[in-house]
Amino acid sequence: MNPADGDVAAAMIKMIALGRYGQGDEVAGIVSDLASSETAFVTGTSLKIDGGFTATKKVFSQLE
């Protein structure tokens, strides 16, 4: 079973503000930026790369 397919995936996508899963190159771009010398002053952070999933604060019981 692929978790990116089926009913569970459809429910998860409804909880993502952008309405889709992120692509590998989108995450890689952020990682690349953070690893560059241009972010040398950044010493630590917690960065959510979730397409707005945590911002929606929806739970499965709210989906219909």
PDB file of N, CA and C in Angstrom:
ATOM      1  N   MET A   1       0.840  -1.186   0.000  1.00  0.00           N
ATOM      2  CA  MET A   1       0.000   0.000   0.000  1.00  0.00           C
ATOM      3  C   MET A   1       0.879   1.242   0.000  1.00  0.00           C
ATOM      4  N   ASN A   2       0.588   2.150  -0.872  1.00  0.00           N
ATOM      5  CA  ASN A   2       1.303   3.417  -0.943  1.00  0.00           C
ATOM      6  C   ASN A   2       0.480   4.468  -0.206  1.00  0.00           C
ATOM      7  N   PRO A   3       1.031   5.084   0.854  1.00  0.00           N
ATOM      8  CA  PRO A   3       0.261   6.081   1.601  1.00  0.00           C
ATOM      9  C   PRO A   3      -0.059   7.326   0.789  1.00  0.00           C
ATOM     10  N   ALA A   4       0.586   7.489  -0.362  1.00  0.00           N
ATOM     11  CA  ALA A   4       0.308   8.647  -1.208  1.00  0.00           C
ATOM     12  C   ALA A   4      -0.882   8.411  -2.135  1.00  0.00           C
ATOM     13  N   ASP A   5      -1.508   7.254  -2.032  1.00  0.00           N
ATOM     14  CA  ASP A   5      -2.666   6.914  -2.861  1.00  0.00           C
ATOM     15  C   ASP A   5      -3.870   6.579  -1.980  1.00  0.00           C
ATOM     16  N   GLY A   6      -5.049   6.680  -2.543  1.00  0.00           N
ATOM     17  CA  GLY A   6      -6.244   6.208  -1.869  1.00  0.00           C
ATOM     18  C   GLY A   6      -6.935   7.225  -0.984  1.00  0.00           C
ATOM     19  N   ASP A   7      -7.837   6.716  -0.145  1.00  0.00           N
ATOM     20  CA  ASP A   7      -8.683   7.559   0.697  1.00  0.00           C
ATOM     21  C   ASP A   7      -7.894   8.351   1.727  1.00  0.00           C
ATOM     22  N   VAL A   8      -6.885   7.726   2.317  1.00  0.00           N
ATOM     23  CA  VAL A   8      -6.080   8.426   3.327  1.00  0.00           C
ATOM     24  C   VAL A   8      -5.349   9.597   2.688  1.00  0.00           C
ATOM     25  N   ALA A   9      -4.775   9.380   1.519  1.00  0.00           N
ATOM     26  CA  ALA A   9      -4.068  10.451   0.818  1.00  0.00           C
ATOM     27  C   ALA A   9      -5.017  11.591   0.472  1.00  0.00           C
ATOM     28  N   ALA A  10      -6.206  11.272   0.019  1.00  0.00           N
ATOM     29  CA  ALA A  10      -7.190  12.301  -0.326  1.00  0.00           C
ATOM     30  C   ALA A  10      -7.558  13.128   0.900  1.00  0.00           C
ATOM     31  N   ALA A  11      -7.701  12.476   2.043  1.00  0.00           N
ATOM     32  CA  ALA A  11      -8.012  13.194   3.283  1.00  0.00           C
ATOM     33  C   ALA A  11      -6.841  14.066   3.711  1.00  0.00           C
ATOM     34  N   MET A  12      -5.627  13.555   3.572  1.00  0.00           N
ATOM     35  CA  MET A  12      -4.442  14.333   3.951  1.00  0.00           C
ATOM     36  C   MET A  12      -4.304  15.575   3.074  1.00  0.00           C
ATOM     37  N   ILE A  13      -4.525  15.430   1.781  1.00  0.00           N
ATOM     38  CA  ILE A  13      -4.394  16.562   0.869  1.00  0.00           C
ATOM     39  C   ILE A  13      -5.399  17.653   1.214  1.00  0.00           C
ATOM     40  N   LYS A  14      -6.578  17.285   1.686  1.00  0.00           N
ATOM     41  CA  LYS A  14      -7.571  18.282   2.102  1.00  0.00           C
ATOM     42  C   LYS A  14      -7.083  19.096   3.297  1.00  0.00           C
ATOM     43  N   MET A  15      -6.152  18.556   4.062  1.00  0.00           N
ATOM     44  CA  MET A  15      -5.644  19.252   5.246  1.00  0.00           C
ATOM     45  C   MET A  15      -4.420  20.110   4.935  1.00  0.00           C
ATOM     46  N   ILE A  16      -3.923  20.066   3.707  1.00  0.00           N
ATOM     47  CA  ILE A  16      -2.762  20.861   3.309  1.00  0.00           C
ATOM     48  C   ILE A  16      -3.266  22.125   2.629  1.00  0.00           C
ATOM     49  N   ALA A  17      -2.867  23.284   3.129  1.00  0.00           N
ATOM     50  CA  ALA A  17      -3.366  24.555   2.601  1.00  0.00           C
ATOM     51  C   ALA A  17      -3.113  24.704   1.097  1.00  0.00           C
ATOM     52  N   LEU A  18      -1.975  24.229   0.611  1.00  0.00           N
ATOM     53  CA  LEU A  18      -1.678  24.333  -0.817  1.00  0.00           C
ATOM     54  C   LEU A  18      -2.396  23.279  -1.647  1.00  0.00           C
ATOM     55  N   GLY A  19      -3.031  22.313  -0.993  1.00  0.00           N
ATOM     56  CA  GLY A  19      -3.832  21.316  -1.687  1.00  0.00           C
ATOM     57  C   GLY A  19      -3.056  20.260  -2.449  1.00  0.00           C
ATOM     58  N   ARG A  20      -1.796  20.043  -2.066  1.00  0.00           N
ATOM     59  CA  ARG A  20      -0.980  19.028  -2.735  1.00  0.00           C
ATOM     60  C   ARG A  20       0.191  18.660  -1.842  1.00  0.00           C
ATOM     61  N   TYR A  21       0.794  17.524  -2.160  1.00  0.00           N
ATOM     62  CA  TYR A  21       2.025  17.144  -1.477  1.00  0.00           C
ATOM     63  C   TYR A  21       3.179  17.958  -2.043  1.00  0.00           C
ATOM     64  N   GLY A  22       4.197  18.185  -1.237  1.00  0.00           N
ATOM     65  CA  GLY A  22       5.395  18.869  -1.707  1.00  0.00           C
ATOM     66  C   GLY A  22       6.229  17.968  -2.597  1.00  0.00           C
ATOM     67  N   GLN A  23       7.014  18.582  -3.434  1.00  0.00           N
ATOM     68  CA  GLN A  23       7.914  17.859  -4.326  1.00  0.00           C
ATOM     69  C   GLN A  23       9.316  17.841  -3.722  1.00  0.00           C
ATOM     70  N   GLY A  24      10.066  16.825  -4.038  1.00  0.00           N
ATOM     71  CA  GLY A  24      11.421  16.688  -3.515  1.00  0.00           C
ATOM     72  C   GLY A  24      12.303  17.883  -3.812  1.00  0.00           C
ATOM     73  N   ASP A  25      12.166  18.454  -5.016  1.00  0.00           N
ATOM     74  CA  ASP A  25      13.007  19.599  -5.367  1.00  0.00           C
ATOM     75  C   ASP A  25      12.647  20.840  -4.555  1.00  0.00           C
ATOM     76  N   GLU A  26      11.407  20.937  -4.074  1.00  0.00           N
ATOM     77  CA  GLU A  26      11.020  22.069  -3.232  1.00  0.00           C
ATOM     78  C   GLU A  26      11.717  21.992  -1.876  1.00  0.00           C
ATOM     79  N   VAL A  27      11.766  20.808  -1.322  1.00  0.00           N
ATOM     80  CA  VAL A  27      12.453  20.610  -0.044  1.00  0.00           C
ATOM     81  C   VAL A  27      13.958  20.747  -0.246  1.00  0.00           C
ATOM     82  N   ALA A  28      14.480  20.178  -1.319  1.00  0.00           N
ATOM     83  CA  ALA A  28      15.916  20.247  -1.598  1.00  0.00           C
ATOM     84  C   ALA A  28      16.377  21.689  -1.768  1.00  0.00           C
ATOM     85  N   GLY A  29      15.558  22.523  -2.362  1.00  0.00           N
ATOM     86  CA  GLY A  29      15.920  23.930  -2.537  1.00  0.00           C
ATOM     87  C   GLY A  29      16.108  24.642  -1.212  1.00  0.00           C
ATOM     88  N   ILE A  30      15.245  24.358  -0.260  1.00  0.00           N
ATOM     89  CA  ILE A  30      15.361  24.970   1.063  1.00  0.00           C
ATOM     90  C   ILE A  30      16.607  24.460   1.770  1.00  0.00           C
ATOM     91  N   VAL A  31      16.846  23.158   1.690  1.00  0.00           N
ATOM     92  CA  VAL A  31      18.039  22.573   2.308  1.00  0.00           C
ATOM     93  C   VAL A  31      19.292  23.179   1.692  1.00  0.00           C
ATOM     94  N   SER A  32      19.306  23.319   0.384  1.00  0.00           N
ATOM     95  CA  SER A  32      20.450  23.906  -0.314  1.00  0.00           C
ATOM     96  C   SER A  32      20.693  25.343   0.142  1.00  0.00           C
ATOM     97  N   ASP A  33      19.623  26.116   0.263  1.00  0.00           N
ATOM     98  CA  ASP A  33      19.760  27.499   0.731  1.00  0.00           C
ATOM     99  C   ASP A  33      20.335  27.552   2.140  1.00  0.00           C
ATOM    100  N   LEU A  34      19.838  26.705   3.016  1.00  0.00           N
ATOM    101  CA  LEU A  34      20.324  26.709   4.400  1.00  0.00           C
ATOM    102  C   LEU A  34      21.775  26.245   4.507  1.00  0.00           C
ATOM    103  N   ALA A  35      22.218  25.439   3.566  1.00  0.00           N
ATOM    104  CA  ALA A  35      23.598  24.948   3.580  1.00  0.00           C
ATOM    105  C   ALA A  35      24.569  25.917   2.912  1.00  0.00           C
ATOM    106  N   SER A  36      24.062  26.955   2.289  1.00  0.00           N
ATOM    107  CA  SER A  36      24.927  27.892   1.568  1.00  0.00           C
ATOM    108  C   SER A  36      25.576  28.894   2.520  1.00  0.00           C
ATOM    109  N   SER A  37      26.591  29.564   2.017  1.00  0.00           N
ATOM    110  CA  SER A  37      27.289  30.574   2.823  1.00  0.00           C
ATOM    111  C   SER A  37      26.415  31.801   3.066  1.00  0.00           C
ATOM    112  N   GLU A  38      25.369  31.979   2.272  1.00  0.00           N
ATOM    113  CA  GLU A  38      24.484  33.134   2.445  1.00  0.00           C
ATOM    114  C   GLU A  38      23.661  33.054   3.727  1.00  0.00           C
ATOM    115  N   THR A  39      23.576  31.884   4.318  1.00  0.00           N
ATOM    116  CA  THR A  39      22.841  31.733   5.578  1.00  0.00           C
ATOM    117  C   THR A  39      23.787  31.392   6.725  1.00  0.00           C
ATOM    118  N   ALA A  40      25.024  31.840   6.622  1.00  0.00           N
ATOM    119  CA  ALA A  40      26.042  31.524   7.631  1.00  0.00           C
ATOM    120  C   ALA A  40      25.666  32.049   9.017  1.00  0.00           C
ATOM    121  N   PHE A  41      24.864  33.088   9.098  1.00  0.00           N
ATOM    122  CA  PHE A  41      24.490  33.666  10.393  1.00  0.00           C
ATOM    123  C   PHE A  41      23.360  32.894  11.064  1.00  0.00           C
ATOM    124  N   VAL A  42      22.716  32.000  10.345  1.00  0.00           N
ATOM    125  CA  VAL A  42      21.658  31.168  10.914  1.00  0.00           C
ATOM    126  C   VAL A  42      22.315  30.062  11.727  1.00  0.00           C
ATOM    127  N   THR A  43      22.027  30.040  13.026  1.00  0.00           N
ATOM    128  CA  THR A  43      22.644  29.037  13.895  1.00  0.00           C
ATOM    129  C   THR A  43      21.670  27.956  14.322  1.00  0.00           C
ATOM    130  N   GLY A  44      20.429  28.150  14.063  1.00  0.00           N
ATOM    131  CA  GLY A  44      19.448  27.132  14.413  1.00  0.00           C
ATOM    132  C   GLY A  44      18.042  27.658  14.217  1.00  0.00           C
ATOM    133  N   THR A  45      17.192  26.792  13.749  1.00  0.00           N
ATOM    134  CA  THR A  45      15.795  27.154  13.563  1.00  0.00           C
ATOM    135  C   THR A  45      14.966  25.887  13.384  1.00  0.00           C
ATOM    136  N   SER A  46      13.698  26.021  13.586  1.00  0.00           N
ATOM    137  CA  SER A  46      12.770  24.939  13.277  1.00  0.00           C
ATOM    138  C   SER A  46      11.922  25.434  12.112  1.00  0.00           C
ATOM    139  N   LEU A  47      12.086  24.821  10.983  1.00  0.00           N
ATOM    140  CA  LEU A  47      11.427  25.273   9.767  1.00  0.00           C
ATOM    141  C   LEU A  47      10.437  24.213   9.299  1.00  0.00           C
ATOM    142  N   LYS A  48       9.187  24.588   9.232  1.00  0.00           N
ATOM    143  CA  LYS A  48       8.163  23.654   8.756  1.00  0.00           C
ATOM    144  C   LYS A  48       8.068  23.766   7.240  1.00  0.00           C
ATOM    145  N   ILE A  49       8.196  22.638   6.586  1.00  0.00           N
ATOM    146  CA  ILE A  49       8.074  22.579   5.130  1.00  0.00           C
ATOM    147  C   ILE A  49       6.900  21.645   4.857  1.00  0.00           C
ATOM    148  N   ASP A  50       5.688  22.173   5.045  1.00  0.00           N
ATOM    149  CA  ASP A  50       4.509  21.302   4.999  1.00  0.00           C
ATOM    150  C   ASP A  50       3.358  21.860   4.170  1.00  0.00           C
ATOM    151  N   GLY A  51       3.628  22.870   3.360  1.00  0.00           N
ATOM    152  CA  GLY A  51       2.585  23.400   2.482  1.00  0.00           C
ATOM    153  C   GLY A  51       1.411  24.026   3.209  1.00  0.00           C
ATOM    154  N   GLY A  52       1.599  24.366   4.472  1.00  0.00           N
ATOM    155  CA  GLY A  52       0.530  24.957   5.267  1.00  0.00           C
ATOM    156  C   GLY A  52      -0.276  23.948   6.062  1.00  0.00           C
ATOM    157  N   PHE A  53       0.194  22.702   6.118  1.00  0.00           N
ATOM    158  CA  PHE A  53      -0.516  21.650   6.852  1.00  0.00           C
ATOM    159  C   PHE A  53      -0.750  22.050   8.307  1.00  0.00           C
ATOM    160  N   THR A  54       0.285  22.516   8.993  1.00  0.00           N
ATOM    161  CA  THR A  54       0.126  22.865  10.405  1.00  0.00           C
ATOM    162  C   THR A  54      -0.651  24.164  10.591  1.00  0.00           C
ATOM    163  N   ALA A  55      -0.671  25.018   9.586  1.00  0.00           N
ATOM    164  CA  ALA A  55      -1.390  26.288   9.697  1.00  0.00           C
ATOM    165  C   ALA A  55      -2.900  26.103   9.628  1.00  0.00           C
ATOM    166  N   THR A  56      -3.372  25.058   8.958  1.00  0.00           N
ATOM    167  CA  THR A  56      -4.814  24.866   8.810  1.00  0.00           C
ATOM    168  C   THR A  56      -5.462  24.357  10.084  1.00  0.00           C
ATOM    169  N   LYS A  57      -4.699  23.639  10.898  1.00  0.00           N
ATOM    170  CA  LYS A  57      -5.183  23.088  12.166  1.00  0.00           C
ATOM    171  C   LYS A  57      -6.437  22.230  11.993  1.00  0.00           C
ATOM    172  N   LYS A  58      -6.570  21.612  10.832  1.00  0.00           N
ATOM    173  CA  LYS A  58      -7.695  20.707  10.615  1.00  0.00           C
ATOM    174  C   LYS A  58      -7.342  19.333  11.157  1.00  0.00           C
ATOM    175  N   VAL A  59      -8.336  18.613  11.534  1.00  0.00           N
ATOM    176  CA  VAL A  59      -8.152  17.227  11.947  1.00  0.00           C
ATOM    177  C   VAL A  59      -9.101  16.373  11.119  1.00  0.00           C
ATOM    178  N   PHE A  60      -8.841  15.072  11.080  1.00  0.00           N
ATOM    179  CA  PHE A  60      -9.659  14.187  10.253  1.00  0.00           C
ATOM    180  C   PHE A  60     -11.149  14.316  10.558  1.00  0.00           C
ATOM    181  N   SER A  61     -11.523  14.550  11.793  1.00  0.00           N
ATOM    182  CA  SER A  61     -12.943  14.630  12.145  1.00  0.00           C
ATOM    183  C   SER A  61     -13.630  15.844  11.521  1.00  0.00           C
ATOM    184  N   GLN A  62     -12.854  16.845  11.073  1.00  0.00           N
ATOM    185  CA  GLN A  62     -13.439  18.035  10.461  1.00  0.00           C
ATOM    186  C   GLN A  62     -13.650  17.869   8.960  1.00  0.00           C
ATOM    187  N   LEU A  63     -13.136  16.805   8.394  1.00  0.00           N
ATOM    188  CA  LEU A  63     -13.241  16.608   6.949  1.00  0.00           C
ATOM    189  C   LEU A  63     -14.534  15.894   6.591  1.00  0.00           C
ATOM    190  N   GLU A  64     -15.150  16.348   5.533  1.00  0.00           N
ATOM    191  CA  GLU A  64     -16.361  15.687   5.045  1.00  0.00           C
ATOM    192  C   GLU A  64     -16.372  15.681   3.546  1.00  0.00           C
TER     193      GLU A  64
END
